[in-house]
C-alpha atoms as a PDB file:
ATOM      1  CA  UNK A   1      17.051  54.853 -12.368  1.00  0.00           C
ATOM      2  CA  UNK A   2      17.533  52.900 -15.438  1.00  0.00           C
ATOM      3  CA  UNK A   3      20.913  51.261 -15.959  1.00  0.00           C
ATOM      4  CA  UNK A   4      22.639  49.012 -18.581  1.00  0.00           C
ATOM      5  CA  UNK A   5      24.337  45.889 -18.022  1.00  0.00           C
ATOM      6  CA  UNK A   6      27.965  45.638 -19.271  1.00  0.00           C
ATOM      7  CA  UNK A   7      27.495  49.146 -20.385  1.00  0.00           C
ATOM      8  CA  UNK A   8      30.621  49.522 -22.457  1.00  0.00           C
ATOM      9  CA  UNK A   9      30.131  46.399 -24.426  1.00  0.00           C
ATOM     10  CA  UNK A  10      28.726  48.047 -27.430  1.00  0.00           C
ATOM     11  CA  UNK A  11      32.287  47.867 -29.049  1.00  0.00           C
ATOM     12  CA  UNK A  12      34.735  45.097 -28.312  1.00  0.00           C
ATOM     13  CA  UNK A  13      37.934  44.090 -30.326  1.00  0.00           C
ATOM     14  CA  UNK A  14      37.781  41.064 -31.816  1.00  0.00           C
ATOM     15  CA  UNK A  15      41.293  41.311 -33.182  1.00  0.00           C
ATOM     16  CA  UNK A  16      42.929  41.946 -29.791  1.00  0.00           C
ATOM     17  CA  UNK A  17      44.008  38.961 -27.644  1.00  0.00           C
ATOM     18  CA  UNK A  18      41.273  37.421 -25.322  1.00  0.00           C
ATOM     19  CA  UNK A  19      41.056  39.145 -21.837  1.00  0.00           C
ATOM     20  CA  UNK A  20      42.367  38.094 -18.535  1.00  0.00           C
ATOM     21  CA  UNK A  21      38.752  37.706 -17.401  1.00  0.00           C
ATOM     22  CA  UNK A  22      38.618  34.463 -19.512  1.00  0.00           C
ATOM     23  CA  UNK A  23      39.657  31.022 -18.657  1.00  0.00           C
ATOM     24  CA  UNK A  24      42.840  29.424 -19.950  1.00  0.00           C
ATOM     25  CA  UNK A  25      41.186  27.067 -22.185  1.00  0.00           C
ATOM     26  CA  UNK A  26      39.307  29.826 -23.788  1.00  0.00           C
ATOM     27  CA  UNK A  27      42.367  31.875 -24.385  1.00  0.00           C
ATOM     28  CA  UNK A  28      43.757  28.973 -26.061  1.00  0.00           C
ATOM     29  CA  UNK A  29      40.638  28.392 -28.445  1.00  0.00           C
ATOM     30  CA  UNK A  30      40.692  32.169 -29.031  1.00  0.00           C
ATOM     31  CA  UNK A  31      43.774  32.029 -31.066  1.00  0.00           C
ATOM     32  CA  UNK A  32      41.332  31.102 -33.711  1.00  0.00           C
ATOM     33  CA  UNK A  33      39.843  34.142 -35.332  1.00  0.00           C
ATOM     34  CA  UNK A  34      36.414  32.464 -35.905  1.00  0.00           C
ATOM     35  CA  UNK A  35      36.387  31.828 -32.061  1.00  0.00           C
ATOM     36  CA  UNK A  36      36.730  35.349 -31.424  1.00  0.00           C
ATOM     37  CA  UNK A  37      34.043  36.305 -33.765  1.00  0.00           C
ATOM     38  CA  UNK A  38      31.698  33.924 -31.817  1.00  0.00           C
ATOM     39  CA  UNK A  39      33.009  35.360 -28.654  1.00  0.00           C
ATOM     40  CA  UNK A  40      31.925  38.902 -29.782  1.00  0.00           C
ATOM     41  CA  UNK A  41      28.228  37.674 -30.280  1.00  0.00           C
ATOM     42  CA  UNK A  42      28.132  36.654 -26.538  1.00  0.00           C
ATOM     43  CA  UNK A  43      30.299  39.302 -25.439  1.00  0.00           C
ATOM     44  CA  UNK A  44      28.099  42.395 -26.593  1.00  0.00           C
ATOM     45  CA  UNK A  45      25.341  43.206 -24.442  1.00  0.00           C
ATOM     46  CA  UNK A  46      24.519  46.571 -25.634  1.00  0.00           C
ATOM     47  CA  UNK A  47      24.356  48.408 -29.060  1.00  0.00           C
ATOM     48  CA  UNK A  48      24.249  52.043 -27.788  1.00  0.00           C
ATOM     49  CA  UNK A  49      27.388  54.155 -27.350  1.00  0.00           C
ATOM     50  CA  UNK A  50      27.647  55.718 -23.787  1.00  0.00           C
ATOM     51  CA  UNK A  51      26.369  59.142 -25.405  1.00  0.00           C
ATOM     52  CA  UNK A  52      23.258  57.256 -27.113  1.00  0.00           C
ATOM     53  CA  UNK A  53      22.691  55.367 -23.769  1.00  0.00           C
ATOM     54  CA  UNK A  54      22.854  58.701 -21.808  1.00  0.00           C
ATOM     55  CA  UNK A  55      20.514  60.426 -24.465  1.00  0.00           C
ATOM     56  CA  UNK A  56      18.052  57.358 -24.067  1.00  0.00           C
ATOM     57  CA  UNK A  57      17.689  58.050 -20.315  1.00  0.00           C
ATOM     58  CA  UNK A  58      20.296  55.228 -19.142  1.00  0.00           C
ATOM     59  CA  UNK A  59      22.120  56.666 -15.674  1.00  0.00           C
ATOM     60  CA  UNK A  60      23.714  53.778 -14.021  1.00  0.00           C
ATOM     61  CA  UNK A  61      26.612  52.175 -15.884  1.00  0.00           C
ATOM     62  CA  UNK A  62      28.032  48.862 -14.903  1.00  0.00           C
ATOM     63  CA  UNK A  63      31.707  48.619 -15.634  1.00  0.00           C
ATOM     64  CA  UNK A  64      34.477  45.994 -15.988  1.00  0.00           C
ATOM     65  CA  UNK A  65      37.971  47.036 -16.379  1.00  0.00           C
ATOM     66  CA  UNK A  66      41.364  45.549 -17.228  1.00  0.00           C
ATOM     67  CA  UNK A  67      45.004  46.340 -18.131  1.00  0.00           C
ATOM     68  CA  UNK A  68      46.323  44.764 -21.256  1.00  0.00           C
ATOM     69  CA  UNK A  69      49.108  42.408 -20.175  1.00  0.00           C
ATOM     70  CA  UNK A  70      52.143  42.729 -21.941  1.00  0.00           C
ATOM     71  CA  UNK A  71      51.270  46.265 -23.136  1.00  0.00           C
ATOM     72  CA  UNK A  72      53.621  49.151 -21.994  1.00  0.00           C
ATOM     73  CA  UNK A  73      52.309  51.724 -19.688  1.00  0.00           C
ATOM     74  CA  UNK A  74      49.239  51.429 -17.279  1.00  0.00           C
ATOM     75  CA  UNK A  75      46.335  52.018 -19.942  1.00  0.00           C
ATOM     76  CA  UNK A  76      43.047  50.699 -18.554  1.00  0.00           C
ATOM     77  CA  UNK A  77      40.415  49.223 -20.932  1.00  0.00           C
ATOM     78  CA  UNK A  78      36.865  48.078 -20.591  1.00  0.00           C
ATOM     79  CA  UNK A  79      36.496  44.150 -20.965  1.00  0.00           C
ATOM     80  CA  UNK A  80      34.093  41.480 -21.365  1.00  0.00           C
ATOM     81  CA  UNK A  81      35.744  38.528 -22.707  1.00  0.00           C
ATOM     82  CA  UNK A  82      37.418  40.836 -25.417  1.00  0.00           C
ATOM     83  CA  UNK A  83      38.671  44.225 -24.676  1.00  0.00           C
ATOM     84  CA  UNK A  84      36.606  47.314 -25.129  1.00  0.00           C
ATOM     85  CA  UNK A  85      37.531  51.083 -25.777  1.00  0.00           C
ATOM     86  CA  UNK A  86      39.915  52.738 -23.404  1.00  0.00           C
ATOM     87  CA  UNK A  87      38.226  53.875 -20.142  1.00  0.00           C
ATOM     88  CA  UNK A  88      39.443  57.333 -20.355  1.00  0.00           C
ATOM     89  CA  UNK A  89      37.756  57.824 -23.953  1.00  0.00           C
ATOM     90  CA  UNK A  90      34.443  56.511 -22.207  1.00  0.00           C
ATOM     91  CA  UNK A  91      34.719  58.923 -19.211  1.00  0.00           C
ATOM     92  CA  UNK A  92      35.489  61.887 -21.591  1.00  0.00           C
ATOM     93  CA  UNK A  93      32.371  60.949 -23.732  1.00  0.00           C
ATOM     94  CA  UNK A  94      30.335  60.834 -20.485  1.00  0.00           C
ATOM     95  CA  UNK A  95      31.642  64.233 -19.334  1.00  0.00           C
ATOM     96  CA  UNK A  96      31.014  65.827 -22.454  1.00  0.00           C
ATOM     97  CA  UNK A  97      27.147  64.870 -21.890  1.00  0.00           C
ATOM     98  CA  UNK A  98      27.260  66.213 -18.279  1.00  0.00           C
ATOM     99  CA  UNK A  99      28.914  69.461 -19.436  1.00  0.00           C
ATOM    100  CA  UNK A 100      25.896  69.870 -21.741  1.00  0.00           C
ATOM    101  CA  UNK A 101      23.198  68.647 -19.186  1.00  0.00           C
ATOM    102  CA  UNK A 102      24.283  70.397 -15.688  1.00  0.00           C
ATOM    103  CA  UNK A 103      21.320  68.746 -13.965  1.00  0.00           C
ATOM    104  CA  UNK A 104      21.567  65.201 -14.752  1.00  0.00           C
ATOM    105  CA  UNK A 105      23.374  62.727 -12.369  1.00  0.00           C
ATOM    106  CA  UNK A 106      24.998  59.341 -13.392  1.00  0.00           C
ATOM    107  CA  UNK A 107      26.265  56.304 -11.360  1.00  0.00           C
ATOM    108  CA  UNK A 108      29.498  54.636 -12.524  1.00  0.00           C
ATOM    109  CA  UNK A 109      29.916  51.232 -11.068  1.00  0.00           C
ATOM    110  CA  UNK A 110      33.567  49.707 -11.253  1.00  0.00           C
ATOM    111  CA  UNK A 111      33.008  46.467 -10.103  1.00  0.00           C
ATOM    112  CA  UNK A 112      35.235  43.961 -11.747  1.00  0.00           C
ATOM    113  CA  UNK A 113      38.954  44.605 -12.029  1.00  0.00           C
ATOM    114  CA  UNK A 114      41.444  42.260 -14.322  1.00  0.00           C
ATOM    115  CA  UNK A 115      45.185  42.332 -14.466  1.00  0.00           C
ATOM    116  CA  UNK A 116      45.483  45.450 -12.222  1.00  0.00           C
ATOM    117  CA  UNK A 117      47.930  46.143  -9.291  1.00  0.00           C
ATOM    118  CA  UNK A 118      47.864  48.989  -6.965  1.00  0.00           C
ATOM    119  CA  UNK A 119      49.666  51.456  -9.582  1.00  0.00           C
ATOM    120  CA  UNK A 120      46.947  50.715 -12.395  1.00  0.00           C
ATOM    121  CA  UNK A 121      44.364  51.408  -9.863  1.00  0.00           C
ATOM    122  CA  UNK A 122      45.897  54.883  -8.690  1.00  0.00           C
ATOM    123  CA  UNK A 123      46.356  55.569 -12.590  1.00  0.00           C
ATOM    124  CA  UNK A 124      42.693  54.769 -13.155  1.00  0.00           C
ATOM    125  CA  UNK A 125      41.368  56.730 -10.241  1.00  0.00           C
ATOM    126  CA  UNK A 126      43.298  59.819 -11.291  1.00  0.00           C
ATOM    127  CA  UNK A 127      41.876  59.321 -14.688  1.00  0.00           C
ATOM    128  CA  UNK A 128      38.454  59.266 -12.792  1.00  0.00           C
ATOM    129  CA  UNK A 129      39.187  62.628 -11.280  1.00  0.00           C
ATOM    130  CA  UNK A 130      40.656  64.256 -14.194  1.00  0.00           C
ATOM    131  CA  UNK A 131      37.680  63.520 -16.120  1.00  0.00           C
ATOM    132  CA  UNK A 132      34.966  64.957 -13.859  1.00  0.00           C
ATOM    133  CA  UNK A 133      36.816  66.911 -11.161  1.00  0.00           C
ATOM    134  CA  UNK A 134      34.346  68.930  -9.056  1.00  0.00           C
ATOM    135  CA  UNK A 135      31.402  67.073 -10.632  1.00  0.00           C
ATOM    136  CA  UNK A 136      32.448  64.105  -8.179  1.00  0.00           C
ATOM    137  CA  UNK A 137      30.095  63.341  -5.279  1.00  0.00           C
ATOM    138  CA  UNK A 138      32.096  62.446  -1.991  1.00  0.00           C
ATOM    139  CA  UNK A 139      30.933  59.700  -0.046  1.00  0.00           C
ATOM    140  CA  UNK A 140      28.001  60.718   2.197  1.00  0.00           C
ATOM    141  CA  UNK A 141      25.000  59.051   4.114  1.00  0.00           C
ATOM    142  CA  UNK A 142      22.826  57.510   1.172  1.00  0.00           C
ATOM    143  CA  UNK A 143      19.597  59.033   2.276  1.00  0.00           C
ATOM    144  CA  UNK A 144      21.143  62.619   1.994  1.00  0.00           C
ATOM    145  CA  UNK A 145      22.021  62.486  -1.614  1.00  0.00           C
ATOM    146  CA  UNK A 146      18.923  63.594  -3.350  1.00  0.00           C
ATOM    147  CA  UNK A 147      18.764  65.384  -6.506  1.00  0.00           C
ATOM    148  CA  UNK A 148      18.213  68.457  -4.679  1.00  0.00           C
ATOM    149  CA  UNK A 149      21.543  67.857  -2.856  1.00  0.00           C
ATOM    150  CA  UNK A 150      23.464  67.174  -6.071  1.00  0.00           C
ATOM    151  CA  UNK A 151      22.153  70.454  -7.773  1.00  0.00           C
ATOM    152  CA  UNK A 152      23.065  72.641  -4.727  1.00  0.00           C
ATOM    153  CA  UNK A 153      26.591  71.139  -4.622  1.00  0.00           C
ATOM    154  CA  UNK A 154      26.948  70.887  -8.711  1.00  0.00           C
ATOM    155  CA  UNK A 155      27.736  67.284  -8.364  1.00  0.00           C
ATOM    156  CA  UNK A 156      26.900  64.944 -11.101  1.00  0.00           C
ATOM    157  CA  UNK A 157      28.829  61.889 -10.791  1.00  0.00           C
ATOM    158  CA  UNK A 158      28.796  59.008  -7.995  1.00  0.00           C
ATOM    159  CA  UNK A 159      31.693  56.525  -8.567  1.00  0.00           C
ATOM    160  CA  UNK A 160      31.489  53.078  -6.855  1.00  0.00           C
ATOM    161  CA  UNK A 161      34.663  51.080  -6.522  1.00  0.00           C
ATOM    162  CA  UNK A 162      34.659  47.634  -5.631  1.00  0.00           C
ATOM    163  CA  UNK A 163      38.183  47.457  -4.173  1.00  0.00           C
ATOM    164  CA  UNK A 164      40.073  48.433  -0.803  1.00  0.00           C
ATOM    165  CA  UNK A 165      41.815  51.534  -2.481  1.00  0.00           C
ATOM    166  CA  UNK A 166      38.313  53.079  -2.203  1.00  0.00           C
ATOM    167  CA  UNK A 167      39.098  54.070   1.315  1.00  0.00           C
ATOM    168  CA  UNK A 168      41.913  56.338   0.390  1.00  0.00           C
ATOM    169  CA  UNK A 169      39.756  58.618  -2.034  1.00  0.00           C
ATOM    170  CA  UNK A 170      36.798  60.794  -0.563  1.00  0.00           C
ATOM    171  CA  UNK A 171      34.987  60.538  -3.925  1.00  0.00           C
ATOM    172  CA  UNK A 172      34.997  56.736  -4.345  1.00  0.00           C
ATOM    173  CA  UNK A 173      31.971  55.092  -2.588  1.00  0.00           C
ATOM    174  CA  UNK A 174      32.839  51.496  -1.480  1.00  0.00           C
ATOM    175  CA  UNK A 175      31.118  48.717  -3.701  1.00  0.00           C
ATOM    176  CA  UNK A 176      29.001  47.681  -0.473  1.00  0.00           C
ATOM    177  CA  UNK A 177      26.844  50.757  -1.053  1.00  0.00           C
ATOM    178  CA  UNK A 178      25.853  49.404  -4.305  1.00  0.00           C
ATOM    179  CA  UNK A 179      24.772  45.629  -3.949  1.00  0.00           C
ATOM    180  CA  UNK A 180      23.859  44.008  -7.358  1.00  0.00           C
ATOM    181  CA  UNK A 181      22.818  40.420  -6.646  1.00  0.00           C
ATOM    182  CA  UNK A 182      23.023  38.096  -9.894  1.00  0.00           C
ATOM    183  CA  UNK A 183      20.497  35.610 -10.575  1.00  0.00           C
ATOM    184  CA  UNK A 184      22.843  33.608 -13.088  1.00  0.00           C
ATOM    185  CA  UNK A 185      20.283  32.031 -14.864  1.00  0.00           C
ATOM    186  CA  UNK A 186      18.838  31.355 -18.564  1.00  0.00           C
ATOM    187  CA  UNK A 187      15.249  30.766 -17.026  1.00  0.00           C
ATOM    188  CA  UNK A 188      13.118  34.128 -17.127  1.00  0.00           C
ATOM    189  CA  UNK A 189      10.701  32.698 -14.606  1.00  0.00           C
ATOM    190  CA  UNK A 190      13.691  31.922 -12.271  1.00  0.00           C
ATOM    191  CA  UNK A 191      15.171  35.412 -12.817  1.00  0.00           C
ATOM    192  CA  UNK A 192      11.894  37.128 -11.713  1.00  0.00           C
ATOM    193  CA  UNK A 193      11.583  35.015  -8.596  1.00  0.00           C
ATOM    194  CA  UNK A 194      15.085  35.900  -7.759  1.00  0.00           C
ATOM    195  CA  UNK A 195      14.479  39.703  -8.286  1.00  0.00           C
ATOM    196  CA  UNK A 196      11.446  39.528  -6.144  1.00  0.00           C
ATOM    197  CA  UNK A 197      13.293  37.651  -3.521  1.00  0.00           C
ATOM    198  CA  UNK A 198      16.415  39.835  -3.575  1.00  0.00           C
ATOM    199  CA  UNK A 199      14.054  42.951  -3.141  1.00  0.00           C
ATOM    200  CA  UNK A 200      12.488  41.594  -0.069  1.00  0.00           C
ATOM    201  CA  UNK A 201      16.027  41.162   1.444  1.00  0.00           C
ATOM    202  CA  UNK A 202      17.383  44.407   0.425  1.00  0.00           C
ATOM    203  CA  UNK A 203      18.716  46.772   3.129  1.00  0.00           C
ATOM    204  CA  UNK A 204      16.071  49.337   4.397  1.00  0.00           C
ATOM    205  CA  UNK A 205      18.640  52.278   4.559  1.00  0.00           C
ATOM    206  CA  UNK A 206      22.067  52.939   3.815  1.00  0.00           C
ATOM    207  CA  UNK A 207      22.782  51.585   0.214  1.00  0.00           C
ATOM    208  CA  UNK A 208      21.540  51.759  -3.069  1.00  0.00           C
ATOM    209  CA  UNK A 209      20.273  48.513  -4.807  1.00  0.00           C
ATOM    210  CA  UNK A 210      20.647  47.161  -8.459  1.00  0.00           C
ATOM    211  CA  UNK A 211      18.045  44.694  -9.795  1.00  0.00           C
ATOM    212  CA  UNK A 212      20.068  42.849 -12.679  1.00  0.00           C
ATOM    213  CA  UNK A 213      17.111  42.009 -14.932  1.00  0.00           C
ATOM    214  CA  UNK A 214      19.357  39.958 -17.159  1.00  0.00           C
ATOM    215  CA  UNK A 215      19.765  36.523 -18.242  1.00  0.00           C
ATOM    216  CA  UNK A 216      23.058  34.635 -18.216  1.00  0.00           C
ATOM    217  CA  UNK A 217      24.091  32.312 -21.015  1.00  0.00           C
ATOM    218  CA  UNK A 218      25.645  28.915 -19.596  1.00  0.00           C
ATOM    219  CA  UNK A 219      28.320  27.120 -21.635  1.00  0.00           C
ATOM    220  CA  UNK A 220      25.703  24.588 -23.110  1.00  0.00           C
ATOM    221  CA  UNK A 221      23.454  27.669 -24.049  1.00  0.00           C
ATOM    222  CA  UNK A 222      26.316  29.102 -26.135  1.00  0.00           C
ATOM    223  CA  UNK A 223      27.257  25.598 -27.635  1.00  0.00           C
ATOM    224  CA  UNK A 224      23.556  25.030 -28.925  1.00  0.00           C
ATOM    225  CA  UNK A 225      23.366  28.771 -30.312  1.00  0.00           C
ATOM    226  CA  UNK A 226      26.913  29.535 -31.604  1.00  0.00           C
ATOM    227  CA  UNK A 227      26.169  31.728 -34.120  1.00  0.00           C
ATOM    228  CA  UNK A 228      22.747  33.429 -32.893  1.00  0.00           C
ATOM    229  CA  UNK A 229      24.502  35.085 -30.033  1.00  0.00           C
ATOM    230  CA  UNK A 230      23.187  36.458 -26.960  1.00  0.00           C
ATOM    231  CA  UNK A 231      20.649  38.983 -28.236  1.00  0.00           C
ATOM    232  CA  UNK A 232      18.953  36.633 -30.531  1.00  0.00           C
ATOM    233  CA  UNK A 233      18.938  33.609 -28.249  1.00  0.00           C
ATOM    234  CA  UNK A 234      17.873  35.003 -24.778  1.00  0.00           C
ATOM    235  CA  UNK A 235      17.166  38.607 -24.912  1.00  0.00           C
ATOM    236  CA  UNK A 236      14.620  39.222 -27.629  1.00  0.00           C
ATOM    237  CA  UNK A 237      12.503  36.396 -26.471  1.00  0.00           C
ATOM    238  CA  UNK A 238      12.313  37.315 -22.944  1.00  0.00           C
ATOM    239  CA  UNK A 239      12.396  41.149 -22.829  1.00  0.00           C
ATOM    240  CA  UNK A 240       8.714  41.605 -22.996  1.00  0.00           C
ATOM    241  CA  UNK A 241       8.106  39.549 -19.805  1.00  0.00           C
ATOM    242  CA  UNK A 242      11.025  41.351 -17.991  1.00  0.00           C
ATOM    243  CA  UNK A 243       9.573  44.814 -18.997  1.00  0.00           C
ATOM    244  CA  UNK A 244       6.210  43.731 -17.628  1.00  0.00           C
ATOM    245  CA  UNK A 245       7.918  42.838 -14.355  1.00  0.00           C
ATOM    246  CA  UNK A 246       9.507  46.368 -14.219  1.00  0.00           C
ATOM    247  CA  UNK A 247       6.157  47.905 -15.018  1.00  0.00           C
ATOM    248  CA  UNK A 248       4.735  46.281 -11.881  1.00  0.00           C
ATOM    249  CA  UNK A 249       7.205  47.526  -9.517  1.00  0.00           C
ATOM    250  CA  UNK A 250       7.049  50.229  -6.970  1.00  0.00           C
ATOM    251  CA  UNK A 251       9.940  52.597  -6.082  1.00  0.00           C
ATOM    252  CA  UNK A 252      10.928  53.693  -2.582  1.00  0.00           C
ATOM    253  CA  UNK A 253      12.109  51.945   0.459  1.00  0.00           C
ATOM    254  CA  UNK A 254      11.966  48.135  -0.177  1.00  0.00           C
ATOM    255  CA  UNK A 255      11.074  48.861  -3.619  1.00  0.00           C
ATOM    256  CA  UNK A 256      13.149  48.988  -6.758  1.00  0.00           C
ATOM    257  CA  UNK A 257      15.894  51.526  -6.813  1.00  0.00           C
ATOM    258  CA  UNK A 258      18.145  50.862 -10.039  1.00  0.00           C
ATOM    259  CA  UNK A 259      17.229  48.408 -12.722  1.00  0.00           C
ATOM    260  CA  UNK A 260      19.566  47.160 -15.355  1.00  0.00           C
ATOM    261  CA  UNK A 261      18.917  45.387 -18.773  1.00  0.00           C
ATOM    262  CA  UNK A 262      20.794  44.068 -21.645  1.00  0.00           C
ATOM    263  CA  UNK A 263      20.164  46.015 -25.197  1.00  0.00           C
ATOM    264  CA  UNK A 264      18.254  48.785 -23.535  1.00  0.00           C
ATOM    265  CA  UNK A 265      17.036  50.043 -26.771  1.00  0.00           C
ATOM    266  CA  UNK A 266      15.029  47.044 -27.625  1.00  0.00           C
ATOM    267  CA  UNK A 267      12.048  48.043 -25.790  1.00  0.00           C
ATOM    268  CA  UNK A 268      10.705  51.096 -23.868  1.00  0.00           C
ATOM    269  CA  UNK A 269      13.066  49.953 -20.875  1.00  0.00           C
ATOM    270  CA  UNK A 270      14.467  53.508 -19.852  1.00  0.00           C
ATOM    271  CA  UNK A 271      11.017  55.225 -20.192  1.00  0.00           C
ATOM    272  CA  UNK A 272       9.329  52.258 -18.156  1.00  0.00           C
ATOM    273  CA  UNK A 273      11.825  52.530 -15.276  1.00  0.00           C
ATOM    274  CA  UNK A 274      11.688  56.379 -15.299  1.00  0.00           C
ATOM    275  CA  UNK A 275       7.931  56.388 -15.400  1.00  0.00           C
ATOM    276  CA  UNK A 276       7.798  54.335 -11.912  1.00  0.00           C
ATOM    277  CA  UNK A 277       8.927  57.776 -10.296  1.00  0.00           C
ATOM    278  CA  UNK A 278       5.458  59.130 -10.848  1.00  0.00           C
ATOM    279  CA  UNK A 279       4.172  56.644  -8.291  1.00  0.00           C
ATOM    280  CA  UNK A 280       6.354  58.518  -5.773  1.00  0.00           C
ATOM    281  CA  UNK A 281       4.939  61.925  -6.800  1.00  0.00           C
ATOM    282  CA  UNK A 282       1.604  60.607  -6.420  1.00  0.00           C
ATOM    283  CA  UNK A 283       2.424  59.484  -2.675  1.00  0.00           C
ATOM    284  CA  UNK A 284       3.708  63.033  -2.095  1.00  0.00           C
ATOM    285  CA  UNK A 285       0.607  64.494  -3.607  1.00  0.00           C
ATOM    286  CA  UNK A 286      -1.738  62.273  -1.304  1.00  0.00           C
ATOM    287  CA  UNK A 287       0.387  63.095   1.761  1.00  0.00           C
ATOM    288  CA  UNK A 288      -0.149  66.649   1.320  1.00  0.00           C
END
């Protein structure tokens, strides 16, 4: 499955306060509007909206969410340094696509929460339930969840929720069912080595697995290339090599499962990942 990293970050609000996911020093600096403009260049990892990503073949969405400290009510927003759109608006946009494409299945991975107490979580979880209703797939043995299984039950959405409250709701899959090891490097060779190593260590059964084919800027990377931003500094230059690695992969047990990228439209990312499934079809043909 093709996925996007920080899937919601196509729009962030440079006029809003910096999010609670940032260090105190950054929050102080960000009182200067120019600093927020620079932050935006490094916070945005996608150009396409949810609808455009879905239409382009993306089926796994990497989500970070937060309340807005000081705001009345319990509204929850996407966040990556700066606040994005309301989560509710994003969920409705996705559901609209699913209504029009009843055989499509998506993975929503809520893996970082900021400035949220239990009441915020219950509010968000009820939003998720309201948006998707019977499309939500309850927790099941991973190996049972084939496309045929989803189609028969008319399910289209798997929600992964990295918080203990997931135990209270049958439609929230625990975060440990969606491990996503992170290389945390600016070096493409180290990234590819990390992806190989973690694939070799992945669980044979019982979980999905995310290969995060992304490079992460360090503070000094940002300082050296303030104006250029993430896309022009790290992504453009290294995506061809990352895509070559993807093309060489095999799906299935101990192979790739979900692969995520920044700026998914810059190369033939989604089509390349989807095409790997043909190898599974070839195996089935040779077995019969």
